[in-house]
Amino acid sequence: MTRRDLIKVSAATAATAVVYPHSTLAASVPAATPAPEIMPLTLKVNGKTEQLEV
């Protein structure tokens, strides 16, 4: 992506927010979802095994 492409996309996004403010407001409200379960995870780093819970 070039700088010009980035500027074009940014301008289009800003214009959409100005024209349709209610759609951007709805997107900013987080959805109510339950917290994910804790999952055990085993990593091997530099030959050592590390136990994690994510």
PDB file of N, CA and C in Angstrom:
ATOM      1  N   MET A   1       0.850  -1.168   0.000  1.00  0.00           N
ATOM      2  CA  MET A   1       0.000   0.000   0.000  1.00  0.00           C
ATOM      3  C   MET A   1       0.899   1.235   0.000  1.00  0.00           C
ATOM      4  N   THR A   2       0.627   2.143  -0.901  1.00  0.00           N
ATOM      5  CA  THR A   2       1.417   3.366  -0.985  1.00  0.00           C
ATOM      6  C   THR A   2       0.831   4.432  -0.072  1.00  0.00           C
ATOM      7  N   ARG A   3       1.571   5.500   0.106  1.00  0.00           N
ATOM      8  CA  ARG A   3       1.074   6.607   0.935  1.00  0.00           C
ATOM      9  C   ARG A   3      -0.180   7.215   0.327  1.00  0.00           C
ATOM     10  N   ARG A   4      -0.204   7.312  -0.995  1.00  0.00           N
ATOM     11  CA  ARG A   4      -1.390   7.875  -1.654  1.00  0.00           C
ATOM     12  C   ARG A   4      -2.613   7.000  -1.416  1.00  0.00           C
ATOM     13  N   ASP A   5      -2.437   5.689  -1.485  1.00  0.00           N
ATOM     14  CA  ASP A   5      -3.546   4.775  -1.211  1.00  0.00           C
ATOM     15  C   ASP A   5      -4.029   4.939   0.224  1.00  0.00           C
ATOM     16  N   LEU A   6      -3.087   5.080   1.155  1.00  0.00           N
ATOM     17  CA  LEU A   6      -3.448   5.250   2.560  1.00  0.00           C
ATOM     18  C   LEU A   6      -4.248   6.532   2.761  1.00  0.00           C
ATOM     19  N   ILE A   7      -3.827   7.607   2.110  1.00  0.00           N
ATOM     20  CA  ILE A   7      -4.547   8.878   2.228  1.00  0.00           C
ATOM     21  C   ILE A   7      -5.943   8.758   1.626  1.00  0.00           C
ATOM     22  N   LYS A   8      -6.073   8.083   0.485  1.00  0.00           N
ATOM     23  CA  LYS A   8      -7.382   7.902  -0.143  1.00  0.00           C
ATOM     24  C   LYS A   8      -8.323   7.109   0.764  1.00  0.00           C
ATOM     25  N   VAL A   9      -7.818   6.032   1.352  1.00  0.00           N
ATOM     26  CA  VAL A   9      -8.640   5.200   2.231  1.00  0.00           C
ATOM     27  C   VAL A   9      -9.034   5.982   3.479  1.00  0.00           C
ATOM     28  N   SER A  10      -8.097   6.746   4.035  1.00  0.00           N
ATOM     29  CA  SER A  10      -8.388   7.546   5.223  1.00  0.00           C
ATOM     30  C   SER A  10      -9.444   8.596   4.925  1.00  0.00           C
ATOM     31  N   ALA A  11      -9.341   9.249   3.778  1.00  0.00           N
ATOM     32  CA  ALA A  11     -10.320  10.263   3.398  1.00  0.00           C
ATOM     33  C   ALA A  11     -11.696   9.643   3.195  1.00  0.00           C
ATOM     34  N   ALA A  12     -11.753   8.484   2.572  1.00  0.00           N
ATOM     35  CA  ALA A  12     -13.037   7.816   2.358  1.00  0.00           C
ATOM     36  C   ALA A  12     -13.661   7.402   3.682  1.00  0.00           C
ATOM     37  N   THR A  13     -12.848   6.934   4.608  1.00  0.00           N
ATOM     38  CA  THR A  13     -13.354   6.538   5.926  1.00  0.00           C
ATOM     39  C   THR A  13     -13.880   7.745   6.685  1.00  0.00           C
ATOM     40  N   ALA A  14     -13.155   8.853   6.643  1.00  0.00           N
ATOM     41  CA  ALA A  14     -13.588  10.068   7.329  1.00  0.00           C
ATOM     42  C   ALA A  14     -14.877  10.604   6.713  1.00  0.00           C
ATOM     43  N   ALA A  15     -14.987  10.555   5.387  1.00  0.00           N
ATOM     44  CA  ALA A  15     -16.195  11.030   4.719  1.00  0.00           C
ATOM     45  C   ALA A  15     -17.393  10.171   5.093  1.00  0.00           C
ATOM     46  N   THR A  16     -17.198   8.886   5.215  1.00  0.00           N
ATOM     47  CA  THR A  16     -18.284   7.989   5.613  1.00  0.00           C
ATOM     48  C   THR A  16     -18.744   8.307   7.027  1.00  0.00           C
ATOM     49  N   ALA A  17     -17.818   8.615   7.917  1.00  0.00           N
ATOM     50  CA  ALA A  17     -18.172   8.942   9.296  1.00  0.00           C
ATOM     51  C   ALA A  17     -18.966  10.241   9.363  1.00  0.00           C
ATOM     52  N   VAL A  18     -18.677  11.189   8.471  1.00  0.00           N
ATOM     53  CA  VAL A  18     -19.405  12.459   8.457  1.00  0.00           C
ATOM     54  C   VAL A  18     -20.794  12.272   7.867  1.00  0.00           C
ATOM     55  N   VAL A  19     -20.907  11.506   6.792  1.00  0.00           N
ATOM     56  CA  VAL A  19     -22.188  11.321   6.105  1.00  0.00           C
ATOM     57  C   VAL A  19     -23.113  10.401   6.888  1.00  0.00           C
ATOM     58  N   TYR A  20     -22.567   9.337   7.483  1.00  0.00           N
ATOM     59  CA  TYR A  20     -23.367   8.362   8.213  1.00  0.00           C
ATOM     60  C   TYR A  20     -22.886   8.253   9.660  1.00  0.00           C
ATOM     61  N   PRO A  21     -23.122   9.269  10.496  1.00  0.00           N
ATOM     62  CA  PRO A  21     -22.593   9.213  11.871  1.00  0.00           C
ATOM     63  C   PRO A  21     -23.237   8.120  12.713  1.00  0.00           C
ATOM     64  N   HIS A  22     -24.493   7.763  12.430  1.00  0.00           N
ATOM     65  CA  HIS A  22     -25.146   6.731  13.241  1.00  0.00           C
ATOM     66  C   HIS A  22     -24.525   5.357  13.019  1.00  0.00           C
ATOM     67  N   SER A  23     -24.007   5.091  11.821  1.00  0.00           N
ATOM     68  CA  SER A  23     -23.393   3.786  11.567  1.00  0.00           C
ATOM     69  C   SER A  23     -22.053   3.658  12.283  1.00  0.00           C
ATOM     70  N   THR A  24     -21.299   4.757  12.401  1.00  0.00           N
ATOM     71  CA  THR A  24     -20.018   4.690  13.113  1.00  0.00           C
ATOM     72  C   THR A  24     -20.244   4.612  14.608  1.00  0.00           C
ATOM     73  N   LEU A  25     -21.310   5.213  15.098  1.00  0.00           N
ATOM     74  CA  LEU A  25     -21.615   5.146  16.523  1.00  0.00           C
ATOM     75  C   LEU A  25     -21.987   3.725  16.916  1.00  0.00           C
ATOM     76  N   ALA A  26     -22.771   3.060  16.090  1.00  0.00           N
ATOM     77  CA  ALA A  26     -23.169   1.691  16.399  1.00  0.00           C
ATOM     78  C   ALA A  26     -21.971   0.755  16.387  1.00  0.00           C
ATOM     79  N   ALA A  27     -21.019   1.014  15.532  1.00  0.00           N
ATOM     80  CA  ALA A  27     -19.839   0.155  15.466  1.00  0.00           C
ATOM     81  C   ALA A  27     -18.921   0.351  16.665  1.00  0.00           C
ATOM     82  N   SER A  28     -19.000   1.512  17.326  1.00  0.00           N
ATOM     83  CA  SER A  28     -18.104   1.777  18.446  1.00  0.00           C
ATOM     84  C   SER A  28     -18.612   1.176  19.753  1.00  0.00           C
ATOM     85  N   VAL A  29     -19.861   0.741  19.800  1.00  0.00           N
ATOM     86  CA  VAL A  29     -20.414   0.129  21.007  1.00  0.00           C
ATOM     87  C   VAL A  29     -19.992  -1.337  21.038  1.00  0.00           C
ATOM     88  N   PRO A  30     -19.277  -1.757  22.075  1.00  0.00           N
ATOM     89  CA  PRO A  30     -18.825  -3.154  22.109  1.00  0.00           C
ATOM     90  C   PRO A  30     -19.990  -4.122  22.321  1.00  0.00           C
ATOM     91  N   ALA A  31     -19.892  -5.259  21.710  1.00  0.00           N
ATOM     92  CA  ALA A  31     -20.915  -6.288  21.860  1.00  0.00           C
ATOM     93  C   ALA A  31     -20.744  -6.972  23.215  1.00  0.00           C
ATOM     94  N   ALA A  32     -21.843  -7.306  23.836  1.00  0.00           N
ATOM     95  CA  ALA A  32     -21.798  -7.989  25.127  1.00  0.00           C
ATOM     96  C   ALA A  32     -21.573  -9.477  24.889  1.00  0.00           C
ATOM     97  N   THR A  33     -20.389  -9.941  25.177  1.00  0.00           N
ATOM     98  CA  THR A  33     -20.060 -11.351  25.010  1.00  0.00           C
ATOM     99  C   THR A  33     -19.443 -11.869  26.292  1.00  0.00           C
ATOM    100  N   PRO A  34     -19.670 -13.116  26.602  1.00  0.00           N
ATOM    101  CA  PRO A  34     -19.056 -13.673  27.809  1.00  0.00           C
ATOM    102  C   PRO A  34     -17.545 -13.798  27.636  1.00  0.00           C
ATOM    103  N   ALA A  35     -16.852 -13.776  28.739  1.00  0.00           N
ATOM    104  CA  ALA A  35     -15.397 -13.923  28.702  1.00  0.00           C
ATOM    105  C   ALA A  35     -15.037 -15.329  28.230  1.00  0.00           C
ATOM    106  N   PRO A  36     -13.970 -15.463  27.475  1.00  0.00           N
ATOM    107  CA  PRO A  36     -13.568 -16.791  27.007  1.00  0.00           C
ATOM    108  C   PRO A  36     -13.020 -17.633  28.155  1.00  0.00           C
ATOM    109  N   GLU A  37     -13.070 -18.922  27.971  1.00  0.00           N
ATOM    110  CA  GLU A  37     -12.537 -19.829  28.987  1.00  0.00           C
ATOM    111  C   GLU A  37     -11.016 -19.759  28.991  1.00  0.00           C
ATOM    112  N   ILE A  38     -10.417 -20.021  30.141  1.00  0.00           N
ATOM    113  CA  ILE A  38      -8.963 -20.061  30.246  1.00  0.00           C
ATOM    114  C   ILE A  38      -8.483 -21.380  29.665  1.00  0.00           C
ATOM    115  N   MET A  39      -7.529 -21.283  28.746  1.00  0.00           N
ATOM    116  CA  MET A  39      -7.015 -22.464  28.067  1.00  0.00           C
ATOM    117  C   MET A  39      -5.550 -22.667  28.436  1.00  0.00           C
ATOM    118  N   PRO A  40      -5.163 -23.898  28.774  1.00  0.00           N
ATOM    119  CA  PRO A  40      -3.748 -24.160  29.039  1.00  0.00           C
ATOM    120  C   PRO A  40      -2.957 -24.161  27.729  1.00  0.00           C
ATOM    121  N   LEU A  41      -1.732 -23.663  27.795  1.00  0.00           N
ATOM    122  CA  LEU A  41      -0.894 -23.564  26.613  1.00  0.00           C
ATOM    123  C   LEU A  41       0.528 -23.931  27.001  1.00  0.00           C
ATOM    124  N   THR A  42       1.169 -24.754  26.204  1.00  0.00           N
ATOM    125  CA  THR A  42       2.551 -25.151  26.447  1.00  0.00           C
ATOM    126  C   THR A  42       3.423 -24.609  25.326  1.00  0.00           C
ATOM    127  N   LEU A  43       4.440 -23.828  25.702  1.00  0.00           N
ATOM    128  CA  LEU A  43       5.382 -23.284  24.733  1.00  0.00           C
ATOM    129  C   LEU A  43       6.758 -23.871  24.981  1.00  0.00           C
ATOM    130  N   LYS A  44       7.493 -24.050  23.917  1.00  0.00           N
ATOM    131  CA  LYS A  44       8.871 -24.500  24.048  1.00  0.00           C
ATOM    132  C   LYS A  44       9.757 -23.352  23.572  1.00  0.00           C
ATOM    133  N   VAL A  45      10.465 -22.714  24.518  1.00  0.00           N
ATOM    134  CA  VAL A  45      11.291 -21.556  24.228  1.00  0.00           C
ATOM    135  C   VAL A  45      12.729 -21.875  24.587  1.00  0.00           C
ATOM    136  N   ASN A  46      13.612 -21.810  23.614  1.00  0.00           N
ATOM    137  CA  ASN A  46      15.035 -22.092  23.819  1.00  0.00           C
ATOM    138  C   ASN A  46      15.255 -23.438  24.499  1.00  0.00           C
ATOM    139  N   GLY A  47      14.468 -24.432  24.120  1.00  0.00           N
ATOM    140  CA  GLY A  47      14.625 -25.772  24.671  1.00  0.00           C
ATOM    141  C   GLY A  47      13.936 -25.984  26.002  1.00  0.00           C
ATOM    142  N   LYS A  48      13.348 -24.942  26.591  1.00  0.00           N
ATOM    143  CA  LYS A  48      12.646 -25.063  27.874  1.00  0.00           C
ATOM    144  C   LYS A  48      11.143 -25.048  27.632  1.00  0.00           C
ATOM    145  N   THR A  49      10.424 -25.885  28.364  1.00  0.00           N
ATOM    146  CA  THR A  49       8.976 -25.940  28.252  1.00  0.00           C
ATOM    147  C   THR A  49       8.357 -24.978  29.258  1.00  0.00           C
ATOM    148  N   GLU A  50       7.472 -24.114  28.762  1.00  0.00           N
ATOM    149  CA  GLU A  50       6.790 -23.132  29.604  1.00  0.00           C
ATOM    150  C   GLU A  50       5.293 -23.416  29.570  1.00  0.00           C
ATOM    151  N   GLN A  51       4.667 -23.512  30.736  1.00  0.00           N
ATOM    152  CA  GLN A  51       3.227 -23.719  30.858  1.00  0.00           C
ATOM    153  C   GLN A  51       2.554 -22.362  31.071  1.00  0.00           C
ATOM    154  N   LEU A  52       1.547 -22.062  30.262  1.00  0.00           N
ATOM    155  CA  LEU A  52       0.804 -20.812  30.376  1.00  0.00           C
ATOM    156  C   LEU A  52      -0.686 -21.101  30.389  1.00  0.00           C
ATOM    157  N   GLU A  53      -1.443 -20.146  30.888  1.00  0.00           N
ATOM    158  CA  GLU A  53      -2.904 -20.190  30.784  1.00  0.00           C
ATOM    159  C   GLU A  53      -3.335 -18.917  30.084  1.00  0.00           C
ATOM    160  N   VAL A  54      -4.032 -19.083  28.978  1.00  0.00           N
ATOM    161  CA  VAL A  54      -4.442 -17.931  28.177  1.00  0.00           C
ATOM    162  C   VAL A  54      -5.944 -17.873  28.138  1.00  0.00           C
TER     163      VAL A  54
END
